[in-house]
Amino acid sequence: MKRKKTDTGRQAGQGKAERYMKPSLLLALEEGQSCHGYELVKSIQDYGFVQGKAPPGMVYRHLRQLEEDGFVTSSWQTDEAGPAKRAYKITSEGREALCGWVDFMEQQAMLLKDFVLRYKSLR
């Protein structure tokens, strides 16, 4: 189904790319897929909230905020060849925050499903 343009010129249904950036980063860290920023940029694409490559600046901005909030910690790794890399780890507070995000997403999913079913019942 083709999306229709809204009166603001944006396509209906489009939202901010960064809306689910923080829970995506937390989940990627929890899954242990990656721990370096550039790896996280690649990993979070799999969740489908960001179309195309996630902007690295946006990812690092959210990682800094997550660290300030106590949801992740970071340290410099210098054991590999090449320049030092910052490695991120999720904290217990980050796991609690991720759980809260998942609860919120489940509620949103139910509301969206109900909305769609209500619309389709009119057809």
PDB file of N, CA and C in Angstrom:
ATOM      1  N   MET A   1       0.847  -1.171   0.000  1.00  0.00           N
ATOM      2  CA  MET A   1       0.000   0.000   0.000  1.00  0.00           C
ATOM      3  C   MET A   1       0.892   1.234   0.000  1.00  0.00           C
ATOM      4  N   LYS A   2       0.592   2.164  -0.858  1.00  0.00           N
ATOM      5  CA  LYS A   2       1.368   3.390  -0.956  1.00  0.00           C
ATOM      6  C   LYS A   2       0.922   4.368   0.127  1.00  0.00           C
ATOM      7  N   ARG A   3       1.904   4.966   0.798  1.00  0.00           N
ATOM      8  CA  ARG A   3       1.585   5.937   1.841  1.00  0.00           C
ATOM      9  C   ARG A   3       1.228   7.267   1.212  1.00  0.00           C
ATOM     10  N   LYS A   4       0.272   7.933   1.814  1.00  0.00           N
ATOM     11  CA  LYS A   4      -0.165   9.225   1.311  1.00  0.00           C
ATOM     12  C   LYS A   4       0.576  10.339   2.017  1.00  0.00           C
ATOM     13  N   LYS A   5       0.732  11.438   1.306  1.00  0.00           N
ATOM     14  CA  LYS A   5       1.383  12.606   1.881  1.00  0.00           C
ATOM     15  C   LYS A   5       0.433  13.274   2.867  1.00  0.00           C
ATOM     16  N   THR A   6       1.005  13.773   3.954  1.00  0.00           N
ATOM     17  CA  THR A   6       0.215  14.526   4.912  1.00  0.00           C
ATOM     18  C   THR A   6       0.262  15.989   4.522  1.00  0.00           C
ATOM     19  N   ASP A   7      -0.459  16.827   5.231  1.00  0.00           N
ATOM     20  CA  ASP A   7      -0.475  18.245   4.891  1.00  0.00           C
ATOM     21  C   ASP A   7       0.868  18.925   5.149  1.00  0.00           C
ATOM     22  N   THR A   8       1.767  18.298   5.890  1.00  0.00           N
ATOM     23  CA  THR A   8       3.083  18.887   6.127  1.00  0.00           C
ATOM     24  C   THR A   8       4.091  18.437   5.078  1.00  0.00           C
ATOM     25  N   GLY A   9       3.682  17.575   4.170  1.00  0.00           N
ATOM     26  CA  GLY A   9       4.566  17.116   3.120  1.00  0.00           C
ATOM     27  C   GLY A   9       5.337  15.855   3.478  1.00  0.00           C
ATOM     28  N   ARG A  10       5.302  15.437   4.737  1.00  0.00           N
ATOM     29  CA  ARG A  10       5.966  14.195   5.126  1.00  0.00           C
ATOM     30  C   ARG A  10       5.044  13.031   4.809  1.00  0.00           C
ATOM     31  N   GLN A  11       5.625  11.865   4.590  1.00  0.00           N
ATOM     32  CA  GLN A  11       4.793  10.696   4.360  1.00  0.00           C
ATOM     33  C   GLN A  11       4.133  10.290   5.659  1.00  0.00           C
ATOM     34  N   ALA A  12       2.872   9.882   5.550  1.00  0.00           N
ATOM     35  CA  ALA A  12       2.151   9.402   6.731  1.00  0.00           C
ATOM     36  C   ALA A  12       2.887   8.206   7.306  1.00  0.00           C
ATOM     37  N   GLY A  13       3.019   8.185   8.621  1.00  0.00           N
ATOM     38  CA  GLY A  13       3.648   7.066   9.290  1.00  0.00           C
ATOM     39  C   GLY A  13       5.127   7.234   9.543  1.00  0.00           C
ATOM     40  N   GLN A  14       5.744   8.254   8.972  1.00  0.00           N
ATOM     41  CA  GLN A  14       7.165   8.450   9.226  1.00  0.00           C
ATOM     42  C   GLN A  14       7.357   9.131  10.568  1.00  0.00           C
ATOM     43  N   GLY A  15       8.412   8.770  11.253  1.00  0.00           N
ATOM     44  CA  GLY A  15       8.713   9.367  12.541  1.00  0.00           C
ATOM     45  C   GLY A  15      10.193   9.663  12.642  1.00  0.00           C
ATOM     46  N   LYS A  16      10.590  10.117  13.794  1.00  0.00           N
ATOM     47  CA  LYS A  16      11.996  10.409  14.016  1.00  0.00           C
ATOM     48  C   LYS A  16      12.813   9.127  14.027  1.00  0.00           C
ATOM     49  N   ALA A  17      13.933   9.172  13.334  1.00  0.00           N
ATOM     50  CA  ALA A  17      14.806   7.996  13.273  1.00  0.00           C
ATOM     51  C   ALA A  17      15.352   7.633  14.638  1.00  0.00           C
ATOM     52  N   GLU A  18      15.507   8.608  15.505  1.00  0.00           N
ATOM     53  CA  GLU A  18      16.139   8.332  16.783  1.00  0.00           C
ATOM     54  C   GLU A  18      15.173   7.975  17.896  1.00  0.00           C
ATOM     55  N   ARG A  19      13.890   7.837  17.581  1.00  0.00           N
ATOM     56  CA  ARG A  19      12.893   7.544  18.608  1.00  0.00           C
ATOM     57  C   ARG A  19      13.252   6.306  19.427  1.00  0.00           C
ATOM     58  N   TYR A  20      13.732   5.272  18.772  1.00  0.00           N
ATOM     59  CA  TYR A  20      14.061   4.024  19.463  1.00  0.00           C
ATOM     60  C   TYR A  20      15.564   3.741  19.467  1.00  0.00           C
ATOM     61  N   MET A  21      16.360   4.785  19.341  1.00  0.00           N
ATOM     62  CA  MET A  21      17.811   4.621  19.316  1.00  0.00           C
ATOM     63  C   MET A  21      18.335   4.077  20.645  1.00  0.00           C
ATOM     64  N   LYS A  22      17.907   4.656  21.759  1.00  0.00           N
ATOM     65  CA  LYS A  22      18.429   4.217  23.059  1.00  0.00           C
ATOM     66  C   LYS A  22      18.077   2.763  23.366  1.00  0.00           C
ATOM     67  N   PRO A  23      16.817   2.351  23.214  1.00  0.00           N
ATOM     68  CA  PRO A  23      16.550   0.930  23.481  1.00  0.00           C
ATOM     69  C   PRO A  23      17.271   0.007  22.492  1.00  0.00           C
ATOM     70  N   SER A  24      17.468   0.467  21.267  1.00  0.00           N
ATOM     71  CA  SER A  24      18.195  -0.343  20.289  1.00  0.00           C
ATOM     72  C   SER A  24      19.644  -0.540  20.720  1.00  0.00           C
ATOM     73  N   LEU A  25      20.269   0.525  21.193  1.00  0.00           N
ATOM     74  CA  LEU A  25      21.649   0.414  21.669  1.00  0.00           C
ATOM     75  C   LEU A  25      21.731  -0.493  22.888  1.00  0.00           C
ATOM     76  N   LEU A  26      20.782  -0.340  23.802  1.00  0.00           N
ATOM     77  CA  LEU A  26      20.772  -1.186  24.994  1.00  0.00           C
ATOM     78  C   LEU A  26      20.588  -2.654  24.629  1.00  0.00           C
ATOM     79  N   LEU A  27      19.691  -2.935  23.689  1.00  0.00           N
ATOM     80  CA  LEU A  27      19.465  -4.323  23.282  1.00  0.00           C
ATOM     81  C   LEU A  27      20.700  -4.900  22.600  1.00  0.00           C
ATOM     82  N   ALA A  28      21.335  -4.124  21.734  1.00  0.00           N
ATOM     83  CA  ALA A  28      22.547  -4.607  21.064  1.00  0.00           C
ATOM     84  C   ALA A  28      23.628  -4.944  22.086  1.00  0.00           C
ATOM     85  N   LEU A  29      23.766  -4.108  23.101  1.00  0.00           N
ATOM     86  CA  LEU A  29      24.750  -4.387  24.145  1.00  0.00           C
ATOM     87  C   LEU A  29      24.340  -5.598  24.976  1.00  0.00           C
ATOM     88  N   GLU A  30      23.073  -5.726  25.268  1.00  0.00           N
ATOM     89  CA  GLU A  30      22.585  -6.865  26.048  1.00  0.00           C
ATOM     90  C   GLU A  30      22.782  -8.175  25.276  1.00  0.00           C
ATOM     91  N   GLU A  31      22.567  -8.131  23.976  1.00  0.00           N
ATOM     92  CA  GLU A  31      22.761  -9.328  23.153  1.00  0.00           C
ATOM     93  C   GLU A  31      24.232  -9.674  22.986  1.00  0.00           C
ATOM     94  N   GLY A  32      25.091  -8.713  23.316  1.00  0.00           N
ATOM     95  CA  GLY A  32      26.521  -8.958  23.194  1.00  0.00           C
ATOM     96  C   GLY A  32      27.014  -8.973  21.773  1.00  0.00           C
ATOM     97  N   GLN A  33      26.216  -8.428  20.856  1.00  0.00           N
ATOM     98  CA  GLN A  33      26.597  -8.412  19.449  1.00  0.00           C
ATOM     99  C   GLN A  33      27.823  -7.541  19.209  1.00  0.00           C
ATOM    100  N   SER A  34      27.920  -6.486  19.960  1.00  0.00           N
ATOM    101  CA  SER A  34      28.990  -5.534  19.729  1.00  0.00           C
ATOM    102  C   SER A  34      29.208  -4.717  20.980  1.00  0.00           C
ATOM    103  N   CYS A  35      30.343  -4.085  21.042  1.00  0.00           N
ATOM    104  CA  CYS A  35      30.598  -3.231  22.181  1.00  0.00           C
ATOM    105  C   CYS A  35      31.270  -1.931  21.780  1.00  0.00           C
ATOM    106  N   HIS A  36      31.717  -1.826  20.544  1.00  0.00           N
ATOM    107  CA  HIS A  36      32.326  -0.599  20.057  1.00  0.00           C
ATOM    108  C   HIS A  36      31.289   0.216  19.277  1.00  0.00           C
ATOM    109  N   GLY A  37      31.440   1.524  19.331  1.00  0.00           N
ATOM    110  CA  GLY A  37      30.472   2.402  18.686  1.00  0.00           C
ATOM    111  C   GLY A  37      30.236   2.082  17.229  1.00  0.00           C
ATOM    112  N   TYR A  38      31.313   1.872  16.460  1.00  0.00           N
ATOM    113  CA  TYR A  38      31.127   1.618  15.024  1.00  0.00           C
ATOM    114  C   TYR A  38      30.417   0.292  14.784  1.00  0.00           C
ATOM    115  N   GLU A  39      30.602  -0.684  15.683  1.00  0.00           N
ATOM    116  CA  GLU A  39      29.877  -1.954  15.563  1.00  0.00           C
ATOM    117  C   GLU A  39      28.408  -1.756  15.901  1.00  0.00           C
ATOM    118  N   LEU A  40      28.143  -0.909  16.895  1.00  0.00           N
ATOM    119  CA  LEU A  40      26.755  -0.638  17.279  1.00  0.00           C
ATOM    120  C   LEU A  40      26.004   0.054  16.151  1.00  0.00           C
ATOM    121  N   VAL A  41      26.685   0.931  15.423  1.00  0.00           N
ATOM    122  CA  VAL A  41      26.066   1.603  14.272  1.00  0.00           C
ATOM    123  C   VAL A  41      25.523   0.557  13.308  1.00  0.00           C
ATOM    124  N   LYS A  42      26.300  -0.482  13.063  1.00  0.00           N
ATOM    125  CA  LYS A  42      25.878  -1.549  12.149  1.00  0.00           C
ATOM    126  C   LYS A  42      24.789  -2.424  12.768  1.00  0.00           C
ATOM    127  N   SER A  43      24.949  -2.778  14.039  1.00  0.00           N
ATOM    128  CA  SER A  43      24.033  -3.705  14.701  1.00  0.00           C
ATOM    129  C   SER A  43      22.608  -3.192  14.781  1.00  0.00           C
ATOM    130  N   ILE A  44      22.455  -1.928  15.133  1.00  0.00           N
ATOM    131  CA  ILE A  44      21.102  -1.436  15.379  1.00  0.00           C
ATOM    132  C   ILE A  44      20.270  -1.318  14.112  1.00  0.00           C
ATOM    133  N   GLN A  45      20.897  -1.368  12.949  1.00  0.00           N
ATOM    134  CA  GLN A  45      20.145  -1.363  11.695  1.00  0.00           C
ATOM    135  C   GLN A  45      19.237  -2.577  11.598  1.00  0.00           C
ATOM    136  N   ASP A  46      19.650  -3.678  12.209  1.00  0.00           N
ATOM    137  CA  ASP A  46      18.886  -4.927  12.144  1.00  0.00           C
ATOM    138  C   ASP A  46      17.528  -4.828  12.820  1.00  0.00           C
ATOM    139  N   TYR A  47      17.356  -3.866  13.711  1.00  0.00           N
ATOM    140  CA  TYR A  47      16.099  -3.753  14.444  1.00  0.00           C
ATOM    141  C   TYR A  47      15.014  -3.042  13.644  1.00  0.00           C
ATOM    142  N   GLY A  48      15.383  -2.385  12.550  1.00  0.00           N
ATOM    143  CA  GLY A  48      14.400  -1.807  11.649  1.00  0.00           C
ATOM    144  C   GLY A  48      13.874  -0.426  11.996  1.00  0.00           C
ATOM    145  N   PHE A  49      14.389   0.204  13.045  1.00  0.00           N
ATOM    146  CA  PHE A  49      13.898   1.532  13.416  1.00  0.00           C
ATOM    147  C   PHE A  49      14.582   2.652  12.641  1.00  0.00           C
ATOM    148  N   VAL A  50      15.763   2.375  12.127  1.00  0.00           N
ATOM    149  CA  VAL A  50      16.522   3.361  11.364  1.00  0.00           C
ATOM    150  C   VAL A  50      16.641   2.848   9.941  1.00  0.00           C
ATOM    151  N   GLN A  51      16.203   3.638   8.995  1.00  0.00           N
ATOM    152  CA  GLN A  51      16.311   3.257   7.591  1.00  0.00           C
ATOM    153  C   GLN A  51      17.718   3.585   7.108  1.00  0.00           C
ATOM    154  N   GLY A  52      18.378   2.600   6.509  1.00  0.00           N
ATOM    155  CA  GLY A  52      19.741   2.817   6.051  1.00  0.00           C
ATOM    156  C   GLY A  52      20.711   2.787   7.216  1.00  0.00           C
ATOM    157  N   LYS A  53      21.873   3.362   6.988  1.00  0.00           N
ATOM    158  CA  LYS A  53      22.915   3.363   8.016  1.00  0.00           C
ATOM    159  C   LYS A  53      22.594   4.404   9.079  1.00  0.00           C
ATOM    160  N   ALA A  54      22.689   3.994  10.328  1.00  0.00           N
ATOM    161  CA  ALA A  54      22.455   4.924  11.439  1.00  0.00           C
ATOM    162  C   ALA A  54      23.562   5.970  11.436  1.00  0.00           C
ATOM    163  N   PRO A  55      23.212   7.239  11.573  1.00  0.00           N
ATOM    164  CA  PRO A  55      24.236   8.278  11.603  1.00  0.00           C
ATOM    165  C   PRO A  55      25.144   8.108  12.824  1.00  0.00           C
ATOM    166  N   PRO A  56      26.458   7.931  12.607  1.00  0.00           N
ATOM    167  CA  PRO A  56      27.365   7.715  13.732  1.00  0.00           C
ATOM    168  C   PRO A  56      27.293   8.811  14.798  1.00  0.00           C
ATOM    169  N   GLY A  57      27.165  10.052  14.387  1.00  0.00           N
ATOM    170  CA  GLY A  57      27.077  11.142  15.357  1.00  0.00           C
ATOM    171  C   GLY A  57      25.893  10.973  16.293  1.00  0.00           C
ATOM    172  N   MET A  58      24.769  10.537  15.745  1.00  0.00           N
ATOM    173  CA  MET A  58      23.566  10.316  16.542  1.00  0.00           C
ATOM    174  C   MET A  58      23.791   9.159  17.522  1.00  0.00           C
ATOM    175  N   VAL A  59      24.428   8.097  17.046  1.00  0.00           N
ATOM    176  CA  VAL A  59      24.685   6.933  17.890  1.00  0.00           C
ATOM    177  C   VAL A  59      25.591   7.326  19.054  1.00  0.00           C
ATOM    178  N   TYR A  60      26.672   8.017  18.765  1.00  0.00           N
ATOM    179  CA  TYR A  60      27.609   8.405  19.828  1.00  0.00           C
ATOM    180  C   TYR A  60      26.971   9.387  20.807  1.00  0.00           C
ATOM    181  N   ARG A  61      26.126  10.268  20.316  1.00  0.00           N
ATOM    182  CA  ARG A  61      25.414  11.205  21.202  1.00  0.00           C
ATOM    183  C   ARG A  61      24.532  10.433  22.189  1.00  0.00           C
ATOM    184  N   HIS A  62      23.827   9.435  21.690  1.00  0.00           N
ATOM    185  CA  HIS A  62      22.970   8.625  22.562  1.00  0.00           C
ATOM    186  C   HIS A  62      23.793   7.761  23.511  1.00  0.00           C
ATOM    187  N   LEU A  63      24.923   7.252  23.056  1.00  0.00           N
ATOM    188  CA  LEU A  63      25.785   6.478  23.948  1.00  0.00           C
ATOM    189  C   LEU A  63      26.300   7.345  25.097  1.00  0.00           C
ATOM    190  N   ARG A  64      26.677   8.590  24.793  1.00  0.00           N
ATOM    191  CA  ARG A  64      27.120   9.509  25.857  1.00  0.00           C
ATOM    192  C   ARG A  64      25.993   9.762  26.852  1.00  0.00           C
ATOM    193  N   GLN A  65      24.784   9.953  26.334  1.00  0.00           N
ATOM    194  CA  GLN A  65      23.641  10.193  27.221  1.00  0.00           C
ATOM    195  C   GLN A  65      23.337   8.961  28.076  1.00  0.00           C
ATOM    196  N   LEU A  66      23.391   7.790  27.462  1.00  0.00           N
ATOM    197  CA  LEU A  66      23.163   6.552  28.207  1.00  0.00           C
ATOM    198  C   LEU A  66      24.213   6.380  29.305  1.00  0.00           C
ATOM    199  N   GLU A  67      25.435   6.779  29.006  1.00  0.00           N
ATOM    200  CA  GLU A  67      26.483   6.681  30.019  1.00  0.00           C
ATOM    201  C   GLU A  67      26.247   7.690  31.139  1.00  0.00           C
ATOM    202  N   GLU A  68      25.857   8.909  30.792  1.00  0.00           N
ATOM    203  CA  GLU A  68      25.545   9.915  31.816  1.00  0.00           C
ATOM    204  C   GLU A  68      24.397   9.461  32.710  1.00  0.00           C
ATOM    205  N   ASP A  69      23.441   8.737  32.126  1.00  0.00           N
ATOM    206  CA  ASP A  69      22.285   8.242  32.885  1.00  0.00           C
ATOM    207  C   ASP A  69      22.602   6.988  33.691  1.00  0.00           C
ATOM    208  N   GLY A  70      23.800   6.438  33.516  1.00  0.00           N
ATOM    209  CA  GLY A  70      24.196   5.245  34.255  1.00  0.00           C
ATOM    210  C   GLY A  70      23.727   3.941  33.628  1.00  0.00           C
ATOM    211  N   PHE A  71      23.261   3.991  32.376  1.00  0.00           N
ATOM    212  CA  PHE A  71      22.739   2.791  31.719  1.00  0.00           C
ATOM    213  C   PHE A  71      23.827   1.998  31.001  1.00  0.00           C
ATOM    214  N   VAL A  72      24.936   2.646  30.681  1.00  0.00           N
ATOM    215  CA  VAL A  72      26.085   1.970  30.089  1.00  0.00           C
ATOM    216  C   VAL A  72      27.353   2.520  30.740  1.00  0.00           C
ATOM    217  N   THR A  73      28.404   1.739  30.650  1.00  0.00           N
ATOM    218  CA  THR A  73      29.733   2.201  31.047  1.00  0.00           C
ATOM    219  C   THR A  73      30.628   2.036  29.830  1.00  0.00           C
ATOM    220  N   SER A  74      31.728   2.745  29.842  1.00  0.00           N
ATOM    221  CA  SER A  74      32.666   2.604  28.735  1.00  0.00           C
ATOM    222  C   SER A  74      34.091   2.636  29.260  1.00  0.00           C
ATOM    223  N   SER A  75      34.972   2.047  28.480  1.00  0.00           N
ATOM    224  CA  SER A  75      36.397   2.061  28.793  1.00  0.00           C
ATOM    225  C   SER A  75      37.156   1.996  27.477  1.00  0.00           C
ATOM    226  N   TRP A  76      38.383   2.448  27.520  1.00  0.00           N
ATOM    227  CA  TRP A  76      39.222   2.415  26.325  1.00  0.00           C
ATOM    228  C   TRP A  76      39.905   1.059  26.226  1.00  0.00           C
ATOM    229  N   GLN A  77      39.858   0.468  25.040  1.00  0.00           N
ATOM    230  CA  GLN A  77      40.551  -0.793  24.779  1.00  0.00           C
ATOM    231  C   GLN A  77      41.747  -0.500  23.888  1.00  0.00           C
ATOM    232  N   THR A  78      42.890  -0.927  24.333  1.00  0.00           N
ATOM    233  CA  THR A  78      44.112  -0.685  23.562  1.00  0.00           C
ATOM    234  C   THR A  78      44.836  -1.980  23.227  1.00  0.00           C
ATOM    235  N   ASP A  79      44.190  -3.110  23.489  1.00  0.00           N
ATOM    236  CA  ASP A  79      44.851  -4.398  23.301  1.00  0.00           C
ATOM    237  C   ASP A  79      44.911  -4.859  21.846  1.00  0.00           C
ATOM    238  N   GLU A  80      44.119  -4.262  20.975  1.00  0.00           N
ATOM    239  CA  GLU A  80      44.128  -4.640  19.565  1.00  0.00           C
ATOM    240  C   GLU A  80      45.079  -3.740  18.793  1.00  0.00           C
ATOM    241  N   ALA A  81      45.473  -4.190  17.626  1.00  0.00           N
ATOM    242  CA  ALA A  81      46.302  -3.359  16.758  1.00  0.00           C
ATOM    243  C   ALA A  81      45.493  -2.145  16.313  1.00  0.00           C
ATOM    244  N   GLY A  82      46.148  -1.059  16.114  1.00  0.00           N
ATOM    245  CA  GLY A  82      45.468   0.149  15.675  1.00  0.00           C
ATOM    246  C   GLY A  82      45.153   1.056  16.837  1.00  0.00           C
ATOM    247  N   PRO A  83      44.353   2.061  16.573  1.00  0.00           N
ATOM    248  CA  PRO A  83      44.053   3.044  17.620  1.00  0.00           C
ATOM    249  C   PRO A  83      43.162   2.464  18.727  1.00  0.00           C
ATOM    250  N   ALA A  84      43.210   3.107  19.868  1.00  0.00           N
ATOM    251  CA  ALA A  84      42.362   2.696  20.996  1.00  0.00           C
ATOM    252  C   ALA A  84      40.899   2.863  20.613  1.00  0.00           C
ATOM    253  N   LYS A  85      40.061   1.973  21.143  1.00  0.00           N
ATOM    254  CA  LYS A  85      38.616   2.015  20.859  1.00  0.00           C
ATOM    255  C   LYS A  85      37.866   2.034  22.174  1.00  0.00           C
ATOM    256  N   ARG A  86      36.798   2.800  22.198  1.00  0.00           N
ATOM    257  CA  ARG A  86      35.956   2.839  23.388  1.00  0.00           C
ATOM    258  C   ARG A  86      34.986   1.663  23.325  1.00  0.00           C
ATOM    259  N   ALA A  87      34.971   0.867  24.383  1.00  0.00           N
ATOM    260  CA  ALA A  87      34.082  -0.290  24.481  1.00  0.00           C
ATOM    261  C   ALA A  87      32.970   0.035  25.473  1.00  0.00           C
ATOM    262  N   TYR A  88      31.754  -0.319  25.117  1.00  0.00           N
ATOM    263  CA  TYR A  88      30.578  -0.028  25.942  1.00  0.00           C
ATOM    264  C   TYR A  88      30.014  -1.311  26.522  1.00  0.00           C
ATOM    265  N   LYS A  89      29.482  -1.210  27.750  1.00  0.00           N
ATOM    266  CA  LYS A  89      28.820  -2.336  28.423  1.00  0.00           C
ATOM    267  C   LYS A  89      27.528  -1.819  29.038  1.00  0.00           C
ATOM    268  N   ILE A  90      26.501  -2.655  28.998  1.00  0.00           N
ATOM    269  CA  ILE A  90      25.238  -2.299  29.640  1.00  0.00           C
ATOM    270  C   ILE A  90      25.364  -2.554  31.146  1.00  0.00           C
ATOM    271  N   THR A  91      24.759  -1.702  31.946  1.00  0.00           N
ATOM    272  CA  THR A  91      24.758  -1.856  33.403  1.00  0.00           C
ATOM    273  C   THR A  91      23.442  -2.491  33.848  1.00  0.00           C
ATOM    274  N   SER A  92      23.348  -2.808  35.127  1.00  0.00           N
ATOM    275  CA  SER A  92      22.088  -3.350  35.642  1.00  0.00           C
ATOM    276  C   SER A  92      20.974  -2.314  35.508  1.00  0.00           C
ATOM    277  N   GLU A  93      21.311  -1.034  35.688  1.00  0.00           N
ATOM    278  CA  GLU A  93      20.312   0.030  35.490  1.00  0.00           C
ATOM    279  C   GLU A  93      19.881   0.091  34.027  1.00  0.00           C
ATOM    280  N   GLY A  94      20.832  -0.180  33.126  1.00  0.00           N
ATOM    281  CA  GLY A  94      20.510  -0.219  31.699  1.00  0.00           C
ATOM    282  C   GLY A  94      19.575  -1.359  31.368  1.00  0.00           C
ATOM    283  N   ARG A  95      19.773  -2.494  32.031  1.00  0.00           N
ATOM    284  CA  ARG A  95      18.865  -3.632  31.811  1.00  0.00           C
ATOM    285  C   ARG A  95      17.456  -3.314  32.297  1.00  0.00           C
ATOM    286  N   GLU A  96      17.372  -2.621  33.426  1.00  0.00           N
ATOM    287  CA  GLU A  96      16.055  -2.201  33.932  1.00  0.00           C
ATOM    288  C   GLU A  96      15.395  -1.218  32.969  1.00  0.00           C
ATOM    289  N   ALA A  97      16.187  -0.283  32.448  1.00  0.00           N
ATOM    290  CA  ALA A  97      15.646   0.684  31.484  1.00  0.00           C
ATOM    291  C   ALA A  97      15.174  -0.022  30.219  1.00  0.00           C
ATOM    292  N   LEU A  98      15.947  -0.999  29.748  1.00  0.00           N
ATOM    293  CA  LEU A  98      15.558  -1.773  28.566  1.00  0.00           C
ATOM    294  C   LEU A  98      14.249  -2.502  28.815  1.00  0.00           C
ATOM    295  N   CYS A  99      14.097  -3.060  30.006  1.00  0.00           N
ATOM    296  CA  CYS A  99      12.847  -3.742  30.369  1.00  0.00           C
ATOM    297  C   CYS A  99      11.675  -2.759  30.314  1.00  0.00           C
ATOM    298  N   GLY A 100      11.891  -1.553  30.819  1.00  0.00           N
ATOM    299  CA  GLY A 100      10.855  -0.522  30.756  1.00  0.00           C
ATOM    300  C   GLY A 100      10.508  -0.153  29.320  1.00  0.00           C
ATOM    301  N   TRP A 101      11.530  -0.052  28.468  1.00  0.00           N
ATOM    302  CA  TRP A 101      11.292   0.250  27.055  1.00  0.00           C
ATOM    303  C   TRP A 101      10.470  -0.864  26.400  1.00  0.00           C
ATOM    304  N   VAL A 102      10.809  -2.107  26.707  1.00  0.00           N
ATOM    305  CA  VAL A 102      10.080  -3.237  26.117  1.00  0.00           C
ATOM    306  C   VAL A 102       8.624  -3.222  26.570  1.00  0.00           C
ATOM    307  N   ASP A 103       8.380  -2.934  27.839  1.00  0.00           N
ATOM    308  CA  ASP A 103       7.003  -2.816  28.327  1.00  0.00           C
ATOM    309  C   ASP A 103       6.255  -1.728  27.559  1.00  0.00           C
ATOM    310  N   PHE A 104       6.899  -0.584  27.385  1.00  0.00           N
ATOM    311  CA  PHE A 104       6.296   0.524  26.642  1.00  0.00           C
ATOM    312  C   PHE A 104       5.996   0.103  25.196  1.00  0.00           C
ATOM    313  N   MET A 105       6.955  -0.572  24.562  1.00  0.00           N
ATOM    314  CA  MET A 105       6.774  -0.996  23.174  1.00  0.00           C
ATOM    315  C   MET A 105       5.629  -2.002  23.044  1.00  0.00           C
ATOM    316  N   GLU A 106       5.516  -2.905  24.015  1.00  0.00           N
ATOM    317  CA  GLU A 106       4.412  -3.865  23.985  1.00  0.00           C
ATOM    318  C   GLU A 106       3.072  -3.145  24.071  1.00  0.00           C
ATOM    319  N   GLN A 107       2.975  -2.158  24.944  1.00  0.00           N
ATOM    320  CA  GLN A 107       1.734  -1.381  25.065  1.00  0.00           C
ATOM    321  C   GLN A 107       1.440  -0.640  23.772  1.00  0.00           C
ATOM    322  N   GLN A 108       2.482  -0.029  23.184  1.00  0.00           N
ATOM    323  CA  GLN A 108       2.297   0.693  21.919  1.00  0.00           C
ATOM    324  C   GLN A 108       1.856  -0.263  20.815  1.00  0.00           C
ATOM    325  N   ALA A 109       2.458  -1.455  20.780  1.00  0.00           N
ATOM    326  CA  ALA A 109       2.104  -2.438  19.757  1.00  0.00           C
ATOM    327  C   ALA A 109       0.630  -2.838  19.876  1.00  0.00           C
ATOM    328  N   MET A 110       0.154  -3.014  21.104  1.00  0.00           N
ATOM    329  CA  MET A 110      -1.259  -3.371  21.298  1.00  0.00           C
ATOM    330  C   MET A 110      -2.171  -2.231  20.842  1.00  0.00           C
ATOM    331  N   LEU A 111      -1.803  -1.001  21.194  1.00  0.00           N
ATOM    332  CA  LEU A 111      -2.606   0.148  20.778  1.00  0.00           C
ATOM    333  C   LEU A 111      -2.630   0.279  19.257  1.00  0.00           C
ATOM    334  N   LEU A 112      -1.482   0.097  18.637  1.00  0.00           N
ATOM    335  CA  LEU A 112      -1.410   0.185  17.176  1.00  0.00           C
ATOM    336  C   LEU A 112      -2.235  -0.921  16.515  1.00  0.00           C
ATOM    337  N   LYS A 113      -2.137  -2.122  17.062  1.00  0.00           N
ATOM    338  CA  LYS A 113      -2.915  -3.235  16.503  1.00  0.00           C
ATOM    339  C   LYS A 113      -4.408  -2.954  16.627  1.00  0.00           C
ATOM    340  N   ASP A 114      -4.834  -2.478  17.785  1.00  0.00           N
ATOM    341  CA  ASP A 114      -6.246  -2.137  17.981  1.00  0.00           C
ATOM    342  C   ASP A 114      -6.695  -1.051  17.007  1.00  0.00           C
ATOM    343  N   PHE A 115      -5.849  -0.062  16.793  1.00  0.00           N
ATOM    344  CA  PHE A 115      -6.164   1.028  15.868  1.00  0.00           C
ATOM    345  C   PHE A 115      -6.352   0.485  14.451  1.00  0.00           C
ATOM    346  N   VAL A 116      -5.411  -0.359  14.015  1.00  0.00           N
ATOM    347  CA  VAL A 116      -5.483  -0.925  12.667  1.00  0.00           C
ATOM    348  C   VAL A 116      -6.726  -1.791  12.514  1.00  0.00           C
ATOM    349  N   LEU A 117      -7.020  -2.620  13.503  1.00  0.00           N
ATOM    350  CA  LEU A 117      -8.216  -3.471  13.441  1.00  0.00           C
ATOM    351  C   LEU A 117      -9.483  -2.631  13.383  1.00  0.00           C
ATOM    352  N   ARG A 118      -9.512  -1.547  14.139  1.00  0.00           N
ATOM    353  CA  ARG A 118     -10.674  -0.663  14.122  1.00  0.00           C
ATOM    354  C   ARG A 118     -10.866  -0.041  12.754  1.00  0.00           C
ATOM    355  N   TYR A 119      -9.739   0.390  12.149  1.00  0.00           N
ATOM    356  CA  TYR A 119      -9.794   0.960  10.800  1.00  0.00           C
ATOM    357  C   TYR A 119     -10.291  -0.077   9.799  1.00  0.00           C
ATOM    358  N   LYS A 120      -9.710  -1.279   9.878  1.00  0.00           N
ATOM    359  CA  LYS A 120     -10.076  -2.326   8.914  1.00  0.00           C
ATOM    360  C   LYS A 120     -11.519  -2.772   9.073  1.00  0.00           C
ATOM    361  N   SER A 121     -12.082  -2.634  10.259  1.00  0.00           N
ATOM    362  CA  SER A 121     -13.478  -3.028  10.446  1.00  0.00           C
ATOM    363  C   SER A 121     -14.420  -2.086   9.709  1.00  0.00           C
ATOM    364  N   LEU A 122     -13.938  -0.935   9.329  1.00  0.00           N
ATOM    365  CA  LEU A 122     -14.742   0.034   8.577  1.00  0.00           C
ATOM    366  C   LEU A 122     -14.787  -0.286   7.089  1.00  0.00           C
ATOM    367  N   ARG A 123     -13.902  -1.116   6.646  1.00  0.00           N
ATOM    368  CA  ARG A 123     -13.758  -1.437   5.208  1.00  0.00           C
ATOM    369  C   ARG A 123     -14.658  -2.573   4.815  1.00  0.00           C
TER     370      ARG A 123
END
